[in-house]
Amino acid sequence: MTHLIQAARAAQQRAARAVARVGPAHPVARRLMAAAARAAAAAWDAGHRVADLHHQRTTTAVPADPGADGSVSPAPPPLPTA
């Protein structure tokens, strides 16, 4: 069943390259994104999970923003009205 995982990875890479090259609204990119979604759904239906589709990361991730670690950050002040 690893062929389903490999197919999902390959389809996602093809779609990502097409989107980067011609943009997400291009008909070919849209078809490749749909094909990638179908390949991922087929792998999911066969019992593979998202963790099976992505390699384990060996580095510690740095939070992208102060609230990414689960802490609650205060809301920004409201914008002044004119």
C-alpha atoms as a PDB file:
ATOM      1  CA  MET A   1       0.000   0.000   0.000  1.00  0.00           C
ATOM      2  CA  THR A   2       2.982   2.339   0.063  1.00  0.00           C
ATOM      3  CA  HIS A   3       2.331   3.035  -3.606  1.00  0.00           C
ATOM      4  CA  LEU A   4      -0.692   5.117  -2.562  1.00  0.00           C
ATOM      5  CA  ILE A   5       1.484   7.245  -0.296  1.00  0.00           C
ATOM      6  CA  GLN A   6       4.073   7.677  -3.039  1.00  0.00           C
ATOM      7  CA  ALA A   7       1.344   8.594  -5.521  1.00  0.00           C
ATOM      8  CA  ALA A   8      -0.098  11.176  -3.117  1.00  0.00           C
ATOM      9  CA  ARG A   9       3.329  12.725  -2.534  1.00  0.00           C
ATOM     10  CA  ALA A  10       4.116  12.847  -6.248  1.00  0.00           C
ATOM     11  CA  ALA A  11       0.724  14.364  -7.100  1.00  0.00           C
ATOM     12  CA  GLN A  12       1.119  17.011  -4.406  1.00  0.00           C
ATOM     13  CA  GLN A  13       4.593  17.922  -5.656  1.00  0.00           C
ATOM     14  CA  ARG A  14       3.366  18.216  -9.254  1.00  0.00           C
ATOM     15  CA  ALA A  15       0.483  20.429  -8.153  1.00  0.00           C
ATOM     16  CA  ALA A  16       2.725  22.624  -6.004  1.00  0.00           C
ATOM     17  CA  ARG A  17       5.172  23.117  -8.863  1.00  0.00           C
ATOM     18  CA  ALA A  18       2.365  24.012 -11.253  1.00  0.00           C
ATOM     19  CA  VAL A  19       0.872  26.497  -8.804  1.00  0.00           C
ATOM     20  CA  ALA A  20       4.273  28.099  -8.265  1.00  0.00           C
ATOM     21  CA  ARG A  21       4.835  28.371 -11.994  1.00  0.00           C
ATOM     22  CA  VAL A  22       1.454  29.479 -13.384  1.00  0.00           C
ATOM     23  CA  GLY A  23      -0.637  30.369 -10.317  1.00  0.00           C
ATOM     24  CA  PRO A  24      -3.571  28.621  -8.630  1.00  0.00           C
ATOM     25  CA  ALA A  25      -6.201  29.887 -11.093  1.00  0.00           C
ATOM     26  CA  HIS A  26      -4.608  28.265 -14.146  1.00  0.00           C
ATOM     27  CA  PRO A  27      -6.704  25.334 -15.460  1.00  0.00           C
ATOM     28  CA  VAL A  28      -3.763  22.897 -15.467  1.00  0.00           C
ATOM     29  CA  ALA A  29      -2.816  23.824 -11.896  1.00  0.00           C
ATOM     30  CA  ARG A  30      -6.425  23.373 -10.789  1.00  0.00           C
ATOM     31  CA  ARG A  31      -6.597  19.915 -12.373  1.00  0.00           C
ATOM     32  CA  LEU A  32      -3.327  18.902 -10.742  1.00  0.00           C
ATOM     33  CA  MET A  33      -4.577  20.137  -7.360  1.00  0.00           C
ATOM     34  CA  ALA A  34      -7.741  18.084  -7.824  1.00  0.00           C
ATOM     35  CA  ALA A  35      -5.656  15.031  -8.761  1.00  0.00           C
ATOM     36  CA  ALA A  36      -3.523  15.531  -5.644  1.00  0.00           C
ATOM     37  CA  ALA A  37      -6.648  15.717  -3.492  1.00  0.00           C
ATOM     38  CA  ARG A  38      -7.969  12.503  -5.030  1.00  0.00           C
ATOM     39  CA  ALA A  39      -4.639  10.734  -4.469  1.00  0.00           C
ATOM     40  CA  ALA A  40      -4.552  11.863  -0.829  1.00  0.00           C
ATOM     41  CA  ALA A  41      -8.158  10.739  -0.349  1.00  0.00           C
ATOM     42  CA  ALA A  42      -7.348   7.321  -1.825  1.00  0.00           C
ATOM     43  CA  ALA A  43      -4.437   6.928   0.605  1.00  0.00           C
ATOM     44  CA  TRP A  44      -6.654   8.029   3.497  1.00  0.00           C
ATOM     45  CA  ASP A  45      -9.420   5.605   2.494  1.00  0.00           C
ATOM     46  CA  ALA A  46      -6.853   2.791   2.361  1.00  0.00           C
ATOM     47  CA  GLY A  47      -6.043   3.428   6.022  1.00  0.00           C
ATOM     48  CA  HIS A  48      -3.007   5.681   5.750  1.00  0.00           C
ATOM     49  CA  ARG A  49      -2.995   8.749   7.951  1.00  0.00           C
ATOM     50  CA  VAL A  50      -1.554  12.217   7.447  1.00  0.00           C
ATOM     51  CA  ALA A  51       1.505  11.283   9.514  1.00  0.00           C
ATOM     52  CA  ASP A  52       2.202   8.526   6.984  1.00  0.00           C
ATOM     53  CA  LEU A  53       2.290  11.076   4.156  1.00  0.00           C
ATOM     54  CA  HIS A  54       4.753  13.475   5.796  1.00  0.00           C
ATOM     55  CA  HIS A  55       8.282  12.732   6.917  1.00  0.00           C
ATOM     56  CA  GLN A  56       9.167  13.157  10.582  1.00  0.00           C
ATOM     57  CA  ARG A  57      10.928  16.436  11.323  1.00  0.00           C
ATOM     58  CA  THR A  58      14.088  16.137  13.353  1.00  0.00           C
ATOM     59  CA  THR A  59      14.476  19.814  14.253  1.00  0.00           C
ATOM     60  CA  THR A  60      12.531  21.774  16.806  1.00  0.00           C
ATOM     61  CA  ALA A  61      10.098  24.167  15.221  1.00  0.00           C
ATOM     62  CA  VAL A  62      10.220  27.808  16.217  1.00  0.00           C
ATOM     63  CA  PRO A  63       6.786  29.408  16.684  1.00  0.00           C
ATOM     64  CA  ALA A  64       5.940  31.748  13.826  1.00  0.00           C
ATOM     65  CA  ASP A  65       4.193  34.217  16.109  1.00  0.00           C
ATOM     66  CA  PRO A  66       3.993  34.733  19.886  1.00  0.00           C
ATOM     67  CA  GLY A  67       0.615  32.976  20.158  1.00  0.00           C
ATOM     68  CA  ALA A  68       1.629  29.899  18.158  1.00  0.00           C
ATOM     69  CA  ASP A  69       2.773  28.035  21.271  1.00  0.00           C
ATOM     70  CA  GLY A  70      -0.758  27.967  22.639  1.00  0.00           C
ATOM     71  CA  SER A  71      -0.497  31.089  24.776  1.00  0.00           C
ATOM     72  CA  VAL A  72      -3.114  33.762  24.401  1.00  0.00           C
ATOM     73  CA  SER A  73      -1.791  37.061  23.208  1.00  0.00           C
ATOM     74  CA  PRO A  74      -3.706  40.293  23.821  1.00  0.00           C
ATOM     75  CA  ALA A  75      -5.857  41.639  21.049  1.00  0.00           C
ATOM     76  CA  PRO A  76      -4.439  44.547  19.061  1.00  0.00           C
ATOM     77  CA  PRO A  77      -5.864  47.978  19.812  1.00  0.00           C
ATOM     78  CA  PRO A  78      -8.777  49.087  17.647  1.00  0.00           C
ATOM     79  CA  LEU A  79      -8.064  51.221  14.600  1.00  0.00           C
ATOM     80  CA  PRO A  80      -8.882  54.915  14.972  1.00  0.00           C
ATOM     81  CA  THR A  81     -11.983  56.057  13.149  1.00  0.00           C
ATOM     82  CA  ALA A  82     -11.778  59.069  10.879  1.00  0.00           C
END
